[in-house]
Amino acid sequence: MDKSSFNELTAEERNVIEGKGTEYPFTGEYDDFYQDGIFTCRRCNAELYRSDDKFDAHCGWPAFDKEITGAVKKLLDADGQRIECECANCGGHLGHVFVGENLTPTNARHCINSLSMKFVPAGQS
């Protein structure tokens, strides 16, 4: 993918998306946010998550129980313990996936940085 087509990012967004950083818990704009629409990658605009799949995990970050099919790549984190998730389109860091917590029927929690996403309300493109 041509990096010149990426959206311009702030230093804080670059730290999370390109540097695999993490925003502070309970500070992200989408943590306590429940409007109808689609969450897209802040760097490349690829669709990542539907609002219908968002739930309140009380963890301090937006939580989803599944991604849009094919939108998220999962790989072993550098710490060897967690599963990192990144945008399948541009490779931007999104957050981590935790399995086995029994919080939803899918038994998965995608713990995603608000800084990694943009929200597009239902009915807008």
C-alpha atoms as a PDB file:
ATOM      1  CA  MET A   1       0.000   0.000   0.000  1.00  0.00           C
ATOM      2  CA  ASP A   2       1.274   3.448  -0.916  1.00  0.00           C
ATOM      3  CA  LYS A   3       1.950   5.282   2.349  1.00  0.00           C
ATOM      4  CA  SER A   4       1.276   8.609   0.635  1.00  0.00           C
ATOM      5  CA  SER A   5      -2.408   7.636   0.627  1.00  0.00           C
ATOM      6  CA  PHE A   6      -2.485   7.374   4.448  1.00  0.00           C
ATOM      7  CA  ASN A   7      -4.280  10.015   6.490  1.00  0.00           C
ATOM      8  CA  GLU A   8      -2.087  12.532   8.288  1.00  0.00           C
ATOM      9  CA  LEU A   9      -1.676  11.549  11.945  1.00  0.00           C
ATOM     10  CA  THR A  10      -0.901  13.533  15.066  1.00  0.00           C
ATOM     11  CA  ALA A  11       2.199  12.593  17.087  1.00  0.00           C
ATOM     12  CA  GLU A  12      -0.033  10.807  19.618  1.00  0.00           C
ATOM     13  CA  GLU A  13      -1.809   8.841  16.871  1.00  0.00           C
ATOM     14  CA  ARG A  14       1.537   7.893  15.284  1.00  0.00           C
ATOM     15  CA  ASN A  15       2.795   6.661  18.673  1.00  0.00           C
ATOM     16  CA  VAL A  16      -0.155   4.268  18.953  1.00  0.00           C
ATOM     17  CA  ILE A  17      -0.678   3.255  15.310  1.00  0.00           C
ATOM     18  CA  GLU A  18       2.915   3.117  14.071  1.00  0.00           C
ATOM     19  CA  GLY A  19       4.798   2.746  17.373  1.00  0.00           C
ATOM     20  CA  LYS A  20       2.396   0.153  18.843  1.00  0.00           C
ATOM     21  CA  GLY A  21       1.695   2.350  21.850  1.00  0.00           C
ATOM     22  CA  THR A  22      -1.361   2.325  24.092  1.00  0.00           C
ATOM     23  CA  GLU A  23      -3.529   5.254  25.104  1.00  0.00           C
ATOM     24  CA  TYR A  24      -4.292   5.686  28.795  1.00  0.00           C
ATOM     25  CA  PRO A  25      -7.376   3.744  29.954  1.00  0.00           C
ATOM     26  CA  PHE A  26     -10.706   5.594  30.184  1.00  0.00           C
ATOM     27  CA  THR A  27      -9.368   8.524  28.108  1.00  0.00           C
ATOM     28  CA  GLY A  28     -10.288   7.498  24.553  1.00  0.00           C
ATOM     29  CA  GLU A  29     -13.174   9.175  22.765  1.00  0.00           C
ATOM     30  CA  TYR A  30     -14.843   5.845  21.931  1.00  0.00           C
ATOM     31  CA  ASP A  31     -14.611   4.094  25.310  1.00  0.00           C
ATOM     32  CA  ASP A  32     -18.083   5.165  26.490  1.00  0.00           C
ATOM     33  CA  PHE A  33     -19.551   5.715  23.017  1.00  0.00           C
ATOM     34  CA  TYR A  34     -22.558   3.856  21.626  1.00  0.00           C
ATOM     35  CA  GLN A  35     -23.791   5.369  18.368  1.00  0.00           C
ATOM     36  CA  ASP A  36     -24.837   3.332  15.337  1.00  0.00           C
ATOM     37  CA  GLY A  37     -22.201   3.124  12.630  1.00  0.00           C
ATOM     38  CA  ILE A  38     -18.818   1.747  11.603  1.00  0.00           C
ATOM     39  CA  PHE A  39     -15.380   2.172  13.144  1.00  0.00           C
ATOM     40  CA  THR A  40     -12.654   2.619  10.535  1.00  0.00           C
ATOM     41  CA  CYS A  41      -8.864   2.666  10.626  1.00  0.00           C
ATOM     42  CA  ARG A  42      -7.657   6.175  11.411  1.00  0.00           C
ATOM     43  CA  ARG A  43      -4.651   5.715   9.115  1.00  0.00           C
ATOM     44  CA  CYS A  44      -6.212   4.196   5.969  1.00  0.00           C
ATOM     45  CA  ASN A  45     -10.028   4.387   6.422  1.00  0.00           C
ATOM     46  CA  ALA A  46     -10.575   0.626   6.102  1.00  0.00           C
ATOM     47  CA  GLU A  47     -13.730  -0.576   7.876  1.00  0.00           C
ATOM     48  CA  LEU A  48     -12.798  -2.500  11.038  1.00  0.00           C
ATOM     49  CA  TYR A  49     -15.719  -2.910  13.473  1.00  0.00           C
ATOM     50  CA  ARG A  50     -19.498  -2.462  13.535  1.00  0.00           C
ATOM     51  CA  SER A  51     -21.111  -0.636  16.432  1.00  0.00           C
ATOM     52  CA  ASP A  52     -23.413  -3.669  16.904  1.00  0.00           C
ATOM     53  CA  ASP A  53     -20.340  -5.658  17.995  1.00  0.00           C
ATOM     54  CA  LYS A  54     -19.191  -3.101  20.600  1.00  0.00           C
ATOM     55  CA  PHE A  55     -19.822  -3.795  24.283  1.00  0.00           C
ATOM     56  CA  ASP A  56     -18.902  -2.303  27.641  1.00  0.00           C
ATOM     57  CA  ALA A  57     -16.123  -4.463  29.051  1.00  0.00           C
ATOM     58  CA  HIS A  58     -15.318  -1.931  31.809  1.00  0.00           C
ATOM     59  CA  CYS A  59     -11.654  -2.165  30.768  1.00  0.00           C
ATOM     60  CA  GLY A  60     -11.011   1.474  29.801  1.00  0.00           C
ATOM     61  CA  TRP A  61     -10.829   0.947  26.042  1.00  0.00           C
ATOM     62  CA  PRO A  62     -13.449   0.347  23.355  1.00  0.00           C
ATOM     63  CA  ALA A  63     -14.251  -3.381  23.268  1.00  0.00           C
ATOM     64  CA  PHE A  64     -15.665  -5.410  20.403  1.00  0.00           C
ATOM     65  CA  ASP A  65     -16.481  -9.107  20.360  1.00  0.00           C
ATOM     66  CA  LYS A  66     -15.628  -9.514  16.671  1.00  0.00           C
ATOM     67  CA  GLU A  67     -14.235  -7.626  13.708  1.00  0.00           C
ATOM     68  CA  ILE A  68     -15.614  -7.156  10.217  1.00  0.00           C
ATOM     69  CA  THR A  69     -14.564 -10.321   8.385  1.00  0.00           C
ATOM     70  CA  GLY A  70     -11.047  -9.972   6.996  1.00  0.00           C
ATOM     71  CA  ALA A  71     -10.483  -6.493   8.477  1.00  0.00           C
ATOM     72  CA  VAL A  72      -8.152  -7.354  11.354  1.00  0.00           C
ATOM     73  CA  LYS A  73      -4.912  -9.314  11.360  1.00  0.00           C
ATOM     74  CA  LYS A  74      -3.997 -11.101  14.598  1.00  0.00           C
ATOM     75  CA  LEU A  75      -0.408 -11.940  15.537  1.00  0.00           C
ATOM     76  CA  LEU A  76       1.594 -12.799  18.618  1.00  0.00           C
ATOM     77  CA  ASP A  77       2.614  -9.625  20.448  1.00  0.00           C
ATOM     78  CA  ALA A  78       6.298  -8.867  21.014  1.00  0.00           C
ATOM     79  CA  ASP A  79       5.816  -9.807  24.692  1.00  0.00           C
ATOM     80  CA  GLY A  80       4.971 -13.364  23.600  1.00  0.00           C
ATOM     81  CA  GLN A  81       1.905 -13.357  25.855  1.00  0.00           C
ATOM     82  CA  ARG A  82      -0.823 -11.371  24.123  1.00  0.00           C
ATOM     83  CA  ILE A  83      -2.433 -11.349  20.685  1.00  0.00           C
ATOM     84  CA  GLU A  84      -1.905  -8.054  18.900  1.00  0.00           C
ATOM     85  CA  CYS A  85      -4.417  -6.919  16.314  1.00  0.00           C
ATOM     86  CA  GLU A  86      -3.658  -4.630  13.446  1.00  0.00           C
ATOM     87  CA  CYS A  87      -5.491  -3.272  10.431  1.00  0.00           C
ATOM     88  CA  ALA A  88      -5.315  -5.951   7.730  1.00  0.00           C
ATOM     89  CA  ASN A  89      -5.194  -3.232   5.085  1.00  0.00           C
ATOM     90  CA  CYS A  90      -2.326  -1.011   6.302  1.00  0.00           C
ATOM     91  CA  GLY A  91      -0.783  -2.847   9.276  1.00  0.00           C
ATOM     92  CA  GLY A  92      -1.587  -0.086  11.751  1.00  0.00           C
ATOM     93  CA  HIS A  93      -1.654  -1.169  15.417  1.00  0.00           C
ATOM     94  CA  LEU A  94      -5.171  -1.334  16.859  1.00  0.00           C
ATOM     95  CA  GLY A  95      -4.813  -3.039  20.232  1.00  0.00           C
ATOM     96  CA  HIS A  96      -5.075  -6.596  21.542  1.00  0.00           C
ATOM     97  CA  VAL A  97      -7.492  -9.513  21.480  1.00  0.00           C
ATOM     98  CA  PHE A  98      -8.234 -11.464  24.636  1.00  0.00           C
ATOM     99  CA  VAL A  99      -9.931 -14.858  24.451  1.00  0.00           C
ATOM    100  CA  GLY A 100     -11.504 -16.946  27.191  1.00  0.00           C
ATOM    101  CA  GLU A 101     -12.984 -14.233  29.409  1.00  0.00           C
ATOM    102  CA  ASN A 102     -16.593 -15.378  28.806  1.00  0.00           C
ATOM    103  CA  LEU A 103     -17.835 -11.783  28.414  1.00  0.00           C
ATOM    104  CA  THR A 104     -19.734 -12.393  25.165  1.00  0.00           C
ATOM    105  CA  PRO A 105     -20.995 -15.379  23.162  1.00  0.00           C
ATOM    106  CA  THR A 106     -17.900 -15.137  20.913  1.00  0.00           C
ATOM    107  CA  ASN A 107     -15.695 -15.399  24.025  1.00  0.00           C
ATOM    108  CA  ALA A 108     -13.405 -12.687  22.604  1.00  0.00           C
ATOM    109  CA  ARG A 109     -12.645  -9.077  23.554  1.00  0.00           C
ATOM    110  CA  HIS A 110     -10.919  -6.851  21.035  1.00  0.00           C
ATOM    111  CA  CYS A 111      -9.481  -4.114  23.254  1.00  0.00           C
ATOM    112  CA  ILE A 112      -8.890  -1.263  20.788  1.00  0.00           C
ATOM    113  CA  ASN A 113      -7.294   2.161  21.128  1.00  0.00           C
ATOM    114  CA  SER A 114      -9.677   4.993  20.239  1.00  0.00           C
ATOM    115  CA  LEU A 115      -6.713   6.750  18.622  1.00  0.00           C
ATOM    116  CA  SER A 116      -6.492   3.898  16.101  1.00  0.00           C
ATOM    117  CA  MET A 117     -10.037   4.422  14.850  1.00  0.00           C
ATOM    118  CA  LYS A 118     -12.454   6.945  13.427  1.00  0.00           C
ATOM    119  CA  PHE A 119     -16.230   6.594  13.681  1.00  0.00           C
ATOM    120  CA  VAL A 120     -18.533   6.921  10.696  1.00  0.00           C
ATOM    121  CA  PRO A 121     -22.198   7.302  11.704  1.00  0.00           C
ATOM    122  CA  ALA A 122     -24.750   5.002  10.052  1.00  0.00           C
ATOM    123  CA  GLY A 123     -25.912   6.408   6.729  1.00  0.00           C
ATOM    124  CA  GLN A 124     -22.670   8.314   6.036  1.00  0.00           C
ATOM    125  CA  SER A 125     -19.846   7.150   3.827  1.00  0.00           C
END
